[in-house]
């Protein structure tokens, strides 16, 4: 199944100030997330984000927050974004059938959100190079569980090229020059 830009959204899970210092390979993960968010924005794919208990874990990292419309960043208290009314409303208001997930932590909030989205009938994609956990073993276990549950594991370039769909267009040349070389 291909990812379609007109029926998908990018959901950024809990990339927050007080969480990132303990995340495995956080600099690389955040850089990859910024890259994919930038491409989504250029292609007008909606970008939504959650913050897990920001009073305790802080706000979304400024480098991520600055790339997302403020009204598209919502707080949550449940580990699954779909168990809180506001994130659920925001995601389902758009009538997106394909949800691309990035963020932290792979084995907790990303996993539980993905499982609930799948239960709601959404097609869910986890961007492997844009998710992480404190422990690489927890990320690996989460990736295995995603696969067991029929959730697609993709790379950021797979998402970008599927959103672009074809070469030879002005949009492809612009994104290729800025991001794919």
N, C-alpha and C. Protein backbone atom coordinates (compact mmCIF):
# COMPACT_ATOMS: atom_id res chain seq x y z
N UNK A 1 0.84 -1.18 0.00
CA UNK A 1 0.00 0.00 0.00
C UNK A 1 0.89 1.25 0.00
N UNK A 2 0.63 2.13 -0.94
CA UNK A 2 1.37 3.39 -1.01
C UNK A 2 0.77 4.44 -0.08
N UNK A 3 1.61 5.35 0.37
CA UNK A 3 1.16 6.46 1.20
C UNK A 3 0.75 7.59 0.26
N UNK A 4 -0.43 8.14 0.46
CA UNK A 4 -0.96 9.20 -0.38
C UNK A 4 -0.97 10.53 0.37
N UNK A 5 -0.40 11.58 -0.20
CA UNK A 5 -0.35 12.86 0.51
C UNK A 5 -1.72 13.46 0.81
N UNK A 6 -2.69 13.18 -0.04
CA UNK A 6 -4.01 13.78 0.15
C UNK A 6 -4.86 13.06 1.20
N UNK A 7 -4.46 11.86 1.61
CA UNK A 7 -5.24 11.13 2.62
C UNK A 7 -4.45 10.84 3.89
N UNK A 8 -3.25 11.42 3.99
CA UNK A 8 -2.41 11.13 5.15
C UNK A 8 -2.11 12.37 5.97
N UNK A 9 -1.69 12.12 7.19
CA UNK A 9 -1.13 13.18 8.03
C UNK A 9 0.08 12.61 8.75
N UNK A 10 0.95 13.51 9.16
CA UNK A 10 2.13 13.15 9.93
C UNK A 10 1.84 13.50 11.38
N UNK A 11 1.93 12.51 12.26
CA UNK A 11 1.64 12.70 13.68
C UNK A 11 2.94 12.57 14.47
N UNK A 12 3.33 13.67 15.12
CA UNK A 12 4.56 13.76 15.90
C UNK A 12 4.20 13.50 17.36
N UNK A 13 4.77 12.45 17.92
CA UNK A 13 4.43 12.04 19.28
C UNK A 13 5.53 12.45 20.27
N UNK A 14 5.23 13.40 21.13
CA UNK A 14 5.96 13.66 22.38
C UNK A 14 7.47 13.87 22.25
N UNK A 15 7.89 14.72 21.33
CA UNK A 15 9.32 15.06 21.25
C UNK A 15 9.51 16.29 22.14
N UNK A 16 9.75 16.04 23.44
CA UNK A 16 9.68 17.08 24.45
C UNK A 16 11.01 17.33 25.16
N UNK A 17 11.13 18.56 25.67
CA UNK A 17 12.37 19.05 26.25
C UNK A 17 12.98 18.13 27.31
N UNK A 18 12.19 17.71 28.27
CA UNK A 18 12.74 16.93 29.38
C UNK A 18 12.84 15.44 29.07
N UNK A 19 12.29 15.03 27.96
CA UNK A 19 12.35 13.63 27.55
C UNK A 19 13.61 13.36 26.71
N UNK A 20 13.94 14.29 25.84
CA UNK A 20 14.99 14.02 24.85
C UNK A 20 16.37 13.71 25.43
N UNK A 21 16.80 14.28 26.57
CA UNK A 21 18.15 13.96 27.04
C UNK A 21 18.39 12.48 27.34
N UNK A 22 17.35 11.70 27.55
CA UNK A 22 17.53 10.29 27.90
C UNK A 22 17.22 9.34 26.74
N UNK A 23 16.90 9.89 25.58
CA UNK A 23 16.53 9.08 24.42
C UNK A 23 17.78 8.64 23.66
N UNK A 24 17.80 7.38 23.27
CA UNK A 24 18.92 6.81 22.51
C UNK A 24 19.05 7.50 21.15
N UNK A 25 20.26 7.93 20.80
CA UNK A 25 20.56 8.58 19.52
C UNK A 25 19.58 9.71 19.21
N UNK A 26 19.33 10.54 20.20
CA UNK A 26 18.30 11.58 20.08
C UNK A 26 18.62 12.61 19.00
N UNK A 27 19.88 13.00 18.86
CA UNK A 27 20.21 14.02 17.87
C UNK A 27 19.86 13.56 16.47
N UNK A 28 20.20 12.33 16.15
CA UNK A 28 19.89 11.77 14.83
C UNK A 28 18.39 11.65 14.63
N UNK A 29 17.69 11.17 15.64
CA UNK A 29 16.24 11.00 15.54
C UNK A 29 15.55 12.35 15.33
N UNK A 30 15.92 13.36 16.10
CA UNK A 30 15.31 14.68 15.98
C UNK A 30 15.61 15.27 14.60
N UNK A 31 16.84 15.14 14.13
CA UNK A 31 17.20 15.66 12.80
C UNK A 31 16.36 14.99 11.71
N UNK A 32 16.16 13.69 11.82
CA UNK A 32 15.33 12.98 10.83
C UNK A 32 13.87 13.43 10.91
N UNK A 33 13.38 13.66 12.12
CA UNK A 33 12.01 14.15 12.29
C UNK A 33 11.85 15.53 11.67
N UNK A 34 12.80 16.42 11.92
CA UNK A 34 12.76 17.77 11.34
C UNK A 34 12.72 17.68 9.81
N UNK A 35 13.54 16.82 9.24
CA UNK A 35 13.61 16.62 7.79
C UNK A 35 12.25 16.21 7.24
N UNK A 36 11.61 15.22 7.88
CA UNK A 36 10.33 14.73 7.38
C UNK A 36 9.22 15.76 7.59
N UNK A 37 9.24 16.47 8.70
CA UNK A 37 8.26 17.54 8.93
C UNK A 37 8.41 18.62 7.87
N UNK A 38 9.64 19.00 7.54
CA UNK A 38 9.86 20.02 6.51
C UNK A 38 9.28 19.58 5.17
N UNK A 39 9.50 18.34 4.80
CA UNK A 39 8.96 17.85 3.54
C UNK A 39 7.43 17.82 3.58
N UNK A 40 6.88 17.35 4.69
CA UNK A 40 5.41 17.36 4.83
C UNK A 40 4.86 18.77 4.65
N UNK A 41 5.51 19.74 5.28
CA UNK A 41 5.05 21.13 5.16
C UNK A 41 5.14 21.62 3.72
N UNK A 42 6.22 21.29 3.03
CA UNK A 42 6.35 21.73 1.62
C UNK A 42 5.31 21.09 0.73
N UNK A 43 4.89 19.87 1.07
CA UNK A 43 3.91 19.15 0.26
C UNK A 43 2.48 19.35 0.77
N UNK A 44 2.34 20.19 1.78
CA UNK A 44 1.04 20.51 2.38
C UNK A 44 0.34 19.29 2.96
N UNK A 45 1.14 18.38 3.50
CA UNK A 45 0.61 17.25 4.27
C UNK A 45 0.45 17.75 5.70
N UNK A 46 -0.72 17.62 6.30
CA UNK A 46 -0.92 18.13 7.66
C UNK A 46 0.05 17.48 8.66
N UNK A 47 0.58 18.32 9.54
CA UNK A 47 1.46 17.86 10.61
C UNK A 47 0.78 18.17 11.93
N UNK A 48 0.55 17.13 12.73
CA UNK A 48 -0.08 17.26 14.03
C UNK A 48 0.92 16.77 15.08
N UNK A 49 0.80 17.26 16.31
CA UNK A 49 1.75 16.84 17.35
C UNK A 49 1.06 16.73 18.70
N UNK A 50 1.62 15.85 19.53
CA UNK A 50 1.14 15.71 20.90
C UNK A 50 2.27 16.01 21.87
N UNK A 51 1.85 16.41 23.08
CA UNK A 51 2.77 16.60 24.19
C UNK A 51 2.22 15.81 25.38
N UNK A 52 3.02 14.89 25.87
CA UNK A 52 2.64 14.07 27.02
C UNK A 52 2.91 14.86 28.30
N UNK A 53 1.85 15.19 29.03
CA UNK A 53 1.96 15.86 30.33
C UNK A 53 3.06 16.93 30.32
N UNK A 54 2.87 18.02 29.55
CA UNK A 54 3.92 19.03 29.40
C UNK A 54 4.34 19.71 30.71
N UNK A 55 3.47 19.71 31.72
CA UNK A 55 3.85 20.28 33.00
C UNK A 55 5.05 19.52 33.59
N UNK A 56 5.13 18.25 33.32
CA UNK A 56 6.24 17.44 33.82
C UNK A 56 7.35 17.21 32.83
N UNK A 57 7.00 17.04 31.55
CA UNK A 57 8.01 16.69 30.54
C UNK A 57 8.42 17.87 29.66
N UNK A 58 7.84 19.05 29.90
CA UNK A 58 8.19 20.22 29.11
C UNK A 58 7.46 20.26 27.79
N UNK A 59 7.71 21.33 27.07
CA UNK A 59 7.08 21.55 25.76
C UNK A 59 7.80 20.77 24.68
N UNK A 60 7.18 20.74 23.51
CA UNK A 60 7.82 20.18 22.33
C UNK A 60 9.12 20.94 22.08
N UNK A 61 10.18 20.23 21.69
CA UNK A 61 11.46 20.89 21.38
C UNK A 61 11.21 22.05 20.42
N UNK A 62 11.89 23.16 20.64
CA UNK A 62 11.63 24.34 19.81
C UNK A 62 11.90 24.08 18.34
N UNK A 63 12.90 23.28 18.00
CA UNK A 63 13.20 23.00 16.59
C UNK A 63 12.08 22.23 15.91
N UNK A 64 11.32 21.49 16.68
CA UNK A 64 10.16 20.77 16.15
C UNK A 64 8.93 21.67 16.21
N UNK A 65 8.71 22.31 17.35
CA UNK A 65 7.54 23.18 17.55
C UNK A 65 7.48 24.28 16.50
N UNK A 66 8.62 24.86 16.13
CA UNK A 66 8.65 25.94 15.15
C UNK A 66 8.21 25.50 13.75
N UNK A 67 8.15 24.21 13.51
CA UNK A 67 7.76 23.67 12.20
C UNK A 67 6.28 23.28 12.14
N UNK A 68 5.57 23.41 13.26
CA UNK A 68 4.19 22.94 13.35
C UNK A 68 3.28 24.09 13.75
N UNK A 69 2.12 24.18 13.12
CA UNK A 69 1.16 25.21 13.49
C UNK A 69 0.76 25.05 14.95
N UNK A 70 0.76 26.13 15.73
CA UNK A 70 0.48 26.03 17.17
C UNK A 70 -0.83 25.32 17.50
N UNK A 71 -1.86 25.53 16.69
CA UNK A 71 -3.14 24.89 16.96
C UNK A 71 -3.13 23.40 16.66
N UNK A 72 -2.04 22.91 16.07
CA UNK A 72 -1.90 21.49 15.77
C UNK A 72 -1.05 20.75 16.79
N UNK A 73 -0.71 21.43 17.89
CA UNK A 73 0.02 20.80 18.99
C UNK A 73 -0.93 20.72 20.17
N UNK A 74 -1.22 19.49 20.62
CA UNK A 74 -2.18 19.30 21.70
C UNK A 74 -1.58 18.46 22.83
N UNK A 75 -2.06 18.75 24.01
CA UNK A 75 -1.62 18.02 25.20
C UNK A 75 -2.39 16.71 25.34
N UNK A 76 -1.74 15.78 26.03
CA UNK A 76 -2.40 14.52 26.37
C UNK A 76 -1.89 14.04 27.72
N UNK A 77 -2.67 13.21 28.36
CA UNK A 77 -2.27 12.61 29.62
C UNK A 77 -2.17 11.09 29.49
N UNK A 78 -2.99 10.50 28.60
CA UNK A 78 -2.89 9.06 28.32
C UNK A 78 -1.65 8.81 27.46
N UNK A 79 -1.13 7.61 27.53
CA UNK A 79 0.01 7.28 26.68
C UNK A 79 -0.41 7.25 25.21
N UNK A 80 -1.57 6.72 24.92
CA UNK A 80 -2.10 6.76 23.55
C UNK A 80 -2.77 8.10 23.31
N UNK A 81 -2.38 8.75 22.24
CA UNK A 81 -3.02 10.02 21.88
C UNK A 81 -4.51 9.83 21.62
N UNK A 82 -4.89 8.66 21.20
CA UNK A 82 -6.28 8.42 20.85
C UNK A 82 -7.18 8.22 22.07
N UNK A 83 -6.59 8.11 23.24
CA UNK A 83 -7.37 7.98 24.47
C UNK A 83 -7.70 9.33 25.10
N UNK A 84 -7.14 10.40 24.58
CA UNK A 84 -7.46 11.75 25.04
C UNK A 84 -8.37 12.42 24.02
N UNK A 85 -9.34 13.14 24.49
CA UNK A 85 -10.36 13.72 23.61
C UNK A 85 -9.79 14.69 22.58
N UNK A 86 -8.90 15.59 22.98
CA UNK A 86 -8.43 16.62 22.05
C UNK A 86 -7.56 16.05 20.92
N UNK A 87 -6.55 15.22 21.22
CA UNK A 87 -5.81 14.62 20.09
C UNK A 87 -6.70 13.77 19.19
N UNK A 88 -7.59 12.99 19.80
CA UNK A 88 -8.50 12.15 19.01
C UNK A 88 -9.35 13.03 18.09
N UNK A 89 -9.88 14.12 18.62
CA UNK A 89 -10.70 15.04 17.82
C UNK A 89 -9.88 15.63 16.67
N UNK A 90 -8.66 16.09 16.97
CA UNK A 90 -7.81 16.71 15.95
C UNK A 90 -7.48 15.72 14.83
N UNK A 91 -7.13 14.53 15.19
CA UNK A 91 -6.75 13.52 14.19
C UNK A 91 -7.96 13.08 13.37
N UNK A 92 -9.06 12.83 14.02
CA UNK A 92 -10.23 12.35 13.30
C UNK A 92 -11.00 13.44 12.58
N UNK A 93 -10.80 14.70 12.96
CA UNK A 93 -11.47 15.81 12.26
C UNK A 93 -11.00 15.91 10.81
N UNK A 94 -9.77 15.52 10.57
CA UNK A 94 -9.21 15.62 9.23
C UNK A 94 -9.60 14.50 8.30
N UNK A 95 -10.26 13.48 8.83
CA UNK A 95 -10.67 12.34 8.00
C UNK A 95 -9.48 11.69 7.29
N UNK A 96 -8.33 11.64 7.99
CA UNK A 96 -7.14 11.01 7.42
C UNK A 96 -7.29 9.50 7.54
N UNK A 97 -7.05 8.78 6.47
CA UNK A 97 -7.11 7.32 6.53
C UNK A 97 -5.73 6.71 6.77
N UNK A 98 -4.68 7.49 6.49
CA UNK A 98 -3.31 7.02 6.69
C UNK A 98 -2.62 7.96 7.68
N UNK A 99 -2.07 7.36 8.73
CA UNK A 99 -1.39 8.14 9.76
C UNK A 99 0.07 7.69 9.79
N UNK A 100 0.98 8.64 9.61
CA UNK A 100 2.41 8.38 9.68
C UNK A 100 2.88 8.86 11.04
N UNK A 101 3.46 7.97 11.83
CA UNK A 101 3.87 8.30 13.19
C UNK A 101 5.38 8.42 13.32
N UNK A 102 5.79 9.48 14.04
CA UNK A 102 7.18 9.68 14.41
C UNK A 102 7.20 10.14 15.86
N UNK A 103 8.33 9.97 16.55
CA UNK A 103 8.43 10.50 17.90
C UNK A 103 8.93 9.52 18.93
N UNK A 104 8.50 9.77 20.19
CA UNK A 104 9.06 9.09 21.34
C UNK A 104 7.97 8.75 22.35
N UNK A 105 8.08 7.77 23.11
CA UNK A 105 8.97 6.65 23.01
C UNK A 105 8.31 5.56 22.20
N UNK A 106 9.12 4.87 21.41
CA UNK A 106 8.62 3.86 20.48
C UNK A 106 7.73 2.82 21.15
N UNK A 107 8.14 2.36 22.31
CA UNK A 107 7.48 1.23 22.97
C UNK A 107 6.36 1.65 23.92
N UNK A 108 6.12 2.95 24.06
CA UNK A 108 5.06 3.40 24.97
C UNK A 108 4.04 4.22 24.18
N UNK A 109 4.27 5.52 24.05
CA UNK A 109 3.26 6.40 23.44
C UNK A 109 3.09 6.16 21.95
N UNK A 110 4.18 5.94 21.23
CA UNK A 110 4.05 5.67 19.79
C UNK A 110 3.31 4.35 19.60
N UNK A 111 3.70 3.33 20.35
CA UNK A 111 3.07 2.02 20.22
C UNK A 111 1.58 2.07 20.55
N UNK A 112 1.23 2.63 21.70
CA UNK A 112 -0.17 2.64 22.10
C UNK A 112 -1.03 3.48 21.16
N UNK A 113 -0.48 4.59 20.67
CA UNK A 113 -1.21 5.41 19.70
C UNK A 113 -1.43 4.63 18.42
N UNK A 114 -0.38 3.97 17.93
CA UNK A 114 -0.49 3.18 16.70
C UNK A 114 -1.53 2.08 16.82
N UNK A 115 -1.52 1.39 17.94
CA UNK A 115 -2.48 0.29 18.12
C UNK A 115 -3.92 0.80 18.15
N UNK A 116 -4.14 1.92 18.83
CA UNK A 116 -5.51 2.46 18.86
C UNK A 116 -5.93 3.00 17.50
N UNK A 117 -5.02 3.63 16.77
CA UNK A 117 -5.35 4.11 15.43
C UNK A 117 -5.73 2.93 14.54
N UNK A 118 -4.99 1.85 14.63
CA UNK A 118 -5.31 0.65 13.85
C UNK A 118 -6.69 0.11 14.25
N UNK A 119 -6.99 0.10 15.54
CA UNK A 119 -8.30 -0.35 16.00
C UNK A 119 -9.41 0.54 15.44
N UNK A 120 -9.11 1.81 15.19
CA UNK A 120 -10.10 2.73 14.62
C UNK A 120 -10.22 2.57 13.10
N UNK A 121 -9.45 1.68 12.52
CA UNK A 121 -9.54 1.43 11.09
C UNK A 121 -8.58 2.26 10.25
N UNK A 122 -7.65 2.94 10.88
CA UNK A 122 -6.66 3.72 10.13
C UNK A 122 -5.54 2.80 9.65
N UNK A 123 -4.89 3.19 8.56
CA UNK A 123 -3.68 2.53 8.12
C UNK A 123 -2.52 3.28 8.75
N UNK A 124 -1.68 2.57 9.49
CA UNK A 124 -0.65 3.21 10.30
C UNK A 124 0.73 2.84 9.79
N UNK A 125 1.58 3.86 9.70
CA UNK A 125 2.96 3.71 9.26
C UNK A 125 3.88 4.26 10.35
N UNK A 126 4.87 3.49 10.75
CA UNK A 126 5.87 3.93 11.72
C UNK A 126 7.14 4.21 10.94
N UNK A 127 7.69 5.41 11.08
CA UNK A 127 8.91 5.78 10.38
C UNK A 127 10.09 5.37 11.27
N UNK A 128 10.72 4.27 10.91
CA UNK A 128 11.72 3.63 11.77
C UNK A 128 12.87 4.58 12.14
N UNK A 129 13.33 5.39 11.22
CA UNK A 129 14.44 6.29 11.53
C UNK A 129 13.99 7.59 12.17
N UNK A 130 12.71 7.69 12.51
CA UNK A 130 12.16 8.88 13.18
C UNK A 130 11.46 8.52 14.49
N UNK A 131 11.76 7.36 15.05
CA UNK A 131 11.25 6.99 16.37
C UNK A 131 12.42 6.49 17.20
N UNK A 132 12.30 6.65 18.52
CA UNK A 132 13.33 6.14 19.41
C UNK A 132 12.74 5.94 20.80
N UNK A 133 13.54 5.32 21.64
CA UNK A 133 13.20 5.08 23.04
C UNK A 133 14.47 5.30 23.86
N UNK A 134 14.33 5.22 25.17
CA UNK A 134 15.53 5.32 26.02
C UNK A 134 16.47 4.17 25.74
N UNK A 135 15.93 3.00 25.51
CA UNK A 135 16.73 1.81 25.27
C UNK A 135 16.53 1.33 23.83
N UNK A 136 17.64 1.01 23.13
CA UNK A 136 17.48 0.45 21.78
C UNK A 136 16.73 -0.88 21.78
N UNK A 137 16.83 -1.64 22.86
CA UNK A 137 16.08 -2.90 22.95
C UNK A 137 14.58 -2.65 22.97
N UNK A 138 14.14 -1.60 23.68
CA UNK A 138 12.72 -1.28 23.70
C UNK A 138 12.22 -0.86 22.32
N UNK A 139 13.04 -0.10 21.58
CA UNK A 139 12.65 0.28 20.22
C UNK A 139 12.53 -0.96 19.35
N UNK A 140 13.50 -1.85 19.45
CA UNK A 140 13.48 -3.08 18.63
C UNK A 140 12.25 -3.93 18.95
N UNK A 141 11.92 -4.02 20.23
CA UNK A 141 10.74 -4.80 20.63
C UNK A 141 9.46 -4.15 20.10
N UNK A 142 9.41 -2.82 20.16
CA UNK A 142 8.24 -2.10 19.63
C UNK A 142 8.11 -2.34 18.13
N UNK A 143 9.21 -2.27 17.38
CA UNK A 143 9.15 -2.49 15.94
C UNK A 143 8.65 -3.90 15.63
N UNK A 144 9.09 -4.87 16.41
CA UNK A 144 8.61 -6.25 16.21
C UNK A 144 7.11 -6.33 16.48
N UNK A 145 6.66 -5.67 17.52
CA UNK A 145 5.22 -5.71 17.83
C UNK A 145 4.40 -5.01 16.76
N UNK A 146 4.88 -3.88 16.27
CA UNK A 146 4.18 -3.20 15.17
C UNK A 146 3.96 -4.18 14.02
N UNK A 147 5.02 -4.86 13.64
CA UNK A 147 4.92 -5.81 12.53
C UNK A 147 3.92 -6.93 12.83
N UNK A 148 3.96 -7.45 14.06
CA UNK A 148 3.02 -8.51 14.45
C UNK A 148 1.57 -8.04 14.34
N UNK A 149 1.35 -6.74 14.53
CA UNK A 149 0.00 -6.19 14.54
C UNK A 149 -0.43 -5.63 13.18
N UNK A 150 0.39 -5.82 12.16
CA UNK A 150 0.02 -5.36 10.83
C UNK A 150 0.20 -3.86 10.61
N UNK A 151 1.10 -3.27 11.36
CA UNK A 151 1.42 -1.85 11.20
C UNK A 151 2.68 -1.76 10.35
N UNK A 152 2.66 -0.89 9.36
CA UNK A 152 3.76 -0.80 8.39
C UNK A 152 4.96 -0.06 8.97
N UNK A 153 6.15 -0.61 8.75
CA UNK A 153 7.41 0.03 9.13
C UNK A 153 8.03 0.58 7.86
N UNK A 154 8.33 1.88 7.86
CA UNK A 154 8.87 2.56 6.67
C UNK A 154 10.05 3.44 7.09
N UNK A 155 10.77 3.94 6.10
CA UNK A 155 11.83 4.92 6.34
C UNK A 155 11.34 6.30 5.93
N UNK A 156 12.02 7.31 6.37
CA UNK A 156 11.61 8.68 6.02
C UNK A 156 11.68 8.91 4.52
N UNK A 157 12.68 8.35 3.85
CA UNK A 157 12.76 8.52 2.40
C UNK A 157 11.61 7.80 1.68
N UNK A 158 11.21 6.65 2.20
CA UNK A 158 10.06 5.96 1.60
C UNK A 158 8.84 6.86 1.65
N UNK A 159 8.61 7.49 2.80
CA UNK A 159 7.47 8.39 2.95
C UNK A 159 7.58 9.55 1.97
N UNK A 160 8.73 10.18 1.91
CA UNK A 160 8.92 11.34 1.04
C UNK A 160 8.67 10.98 -0.43
N UNK A 161 9.25 9.88 -0.89
CA UNK A 161 9.08 9.50 -2.29
C UNK A 161 7.65 9.07 -2.60
N UNK A 162 6.98 8.45 -1.64
CA UNK A 162 5.58 8.08 -1.88
C UNK A 162 4.70 9.33 -1.91
N UNK A 163 4.98 10.30 -1.05
CA UNK A 163 4.24 11.57 -1.12
C UNK A 163 4.49 12.26 -2.46
N UNK A 164 5.72 12.23 -2.94
CA UNK A 164 6.07 12.91 -4.20
C UNK A 164 5.49 12.19 -5.41
N UNK A 165 5.49 10.88 -5.40
CA UNK A 165 4.91 10.01 -6.39
C UNK A 165 5.67 9.95 -7.73
N UNK A 166 6.25 11.07 -8.20
CA UNK A 166 6.93 11.02 -9.50
C UNK A 166 8.02 12.08 -9.59
N UNK A 167 8.98 11.79 -10.46
CA UNK A 167 10.07 12.74 -10.76
C UNK A 167 9.63 13.64 -11.90
N UNK A 168 10.47 14.60 -12.23
CA UNK A 168 10.20 15.44 -13.39
C UNK A 168 9.27 16.60 -13.15
N UNK A 169 8.84 16.81 -11.92
CA UNK A 169 7.96 17.95 -11.61
C UNK A 169 8.76 19.03 -10.89
N UNK A 170 8.25 20.23 -10.89
CA UNK A 170 8.91 21.32 -10.16
C UNK A 170 9.00 21.00 -8.68
N UNK A 171 7.94 20.44 -8.14
CA UNK A 171 7.93 20.09 -6.71
C UNK A 171 9.00 19.04 -6.41
N UNK A 172 9.13 18.03 -7.27
CA UNK A 172 10.16 17.01 -7.07
C UNK A 172 11.54 17.64 -7.13
N UNK A 173 11.79 18.48 -8.13
CA UNK A 173 13.11 19.11 -8.25
C UNK A 173 13.43 19.96 -7.02
N UNK A 174 12.46 20.71 -6.54
CA UNK A 174 12.66 21.56 -5.36
C UNK A 174 13.01 20.72 -4.14
N UNK A 175 12.26 19.67 -3.89
CA UNK A 175 12.50 18.83 -2.71
C UNK A 175 13.75 17.99 -2.89
N UNK A 176 13.99 17.51 -4.09
CA UNK A 176 15.18 16.73 -4.35
C UNK A 176 16.43 17.57 -4.09
N UNK A 177 16.43 18.78 -4.57
CA UNK A 177 17.60 19.66 -4.40
C UNK A 177 17.82 20.00 -2.93
N UNK A 178 16.76 20.25 -2.20
CA UNK A 178 16.88 20.68 -0.80
C UNK A 178 17.06 19.52 0.18
N UNK A 179 16.50 18.34 -0.11
CA UNK A 179 16.44 17.29 0.90
C UNK A 179 16.97 15.93 0.48
N UNK A 180 17.03 15.63 -0.78
CA UNK A 180 17.32 14.27 -1.20
C UNK A 180 18.73 14.06 -1.74
N UNK A 181 19.52 15.07 -1.76
CA UNK A 181 20.88 14.92 -2.29
C UNK A 181 21.89 14.73 -1.21
